[in-house]
Amino acid sequence: MLKSLGITYKINFQLPLRKFSVQAIANFQKRFSFRFTLAIVLFVTSVVAVSYELVPYVYFLKRQVDSSGKHALPKYFLASNYEGPPSVDSTNKTKEQIDKERRELIPDKLMSGGFDRENVIILEKPSPVSPQFGGGTVEVLEYSPQRAVFKTDSNSPKLLFVGDPYYFGWRATVDGEDREILRANYAYRAVPLIQGVHTVRFYYDNKLFYAGSFLSLIMLGILKLPTLRRSRRRD
């Protein structure tokens, strides 16, 4: 009788204990899995955001160094005319396919013997300003990996060509007003200008970096929240 009661008591005692242990383990696994996933997302987001922010520095450091130990400036000039990419057969092709094939032919056109690379550039979309032949000058006022300022002076409309990569995040202003950067000569930048004296500023505005940093701070706060709660309970 006592033995049977003891068994009954033992079973009744162990069942809740086992149930509690299984629940505790399951809760721990859920919390660990959530925090581990969040940590991975935080790490990847931070790496991507920082990587995009460092891109201008990578291109800058790749430039040749002159005798004075400074990195060479990119090629820049005022273009007096522009052409579109070479034409291709558009039969049974989407616009994206046509644009891609035309872009791939740009380097060959630039290297052809009859192309005037000193005055003419190739744009993948029409310029809002029609450049014209005539005199003009360009002066570099400032140049750094994430910022470049040029002063131009011309007696006719021009296209300012700058041999820096056409890349996501770059913005341009002309005399303080926003201006679209045109993709020129396959992988570089151009900004349309009317005649006169202008200050053209290029700057790197990587919104992905700010968004990634903000998201990283939020996720870091979520990861730290359980620790803060435990410390408050102890106090």
Foldseek 3Di string as FASTA:
>chain_A
DVVVVVVVVVVVVVVVVVVVVVVVVVVVVVVVVVLVVLVVVLVVLQVVLVVVVCVLVVQQVPADADPVRHGDFFDKDWAQAEAEFDFDDCPPHDPVVRLVVSLVCLVVVVPDPPDDPRHYKYFHDDDPFGGHDFDKDKDWPDDDSFKTKIKMATQAKTKMWGADFPDPQKWKDKQRHTFDWTAISNTTTITIDGHGIIMMMIGGGPVSNVVSVVSSVVSVCVSCVVVVVVVVVVD
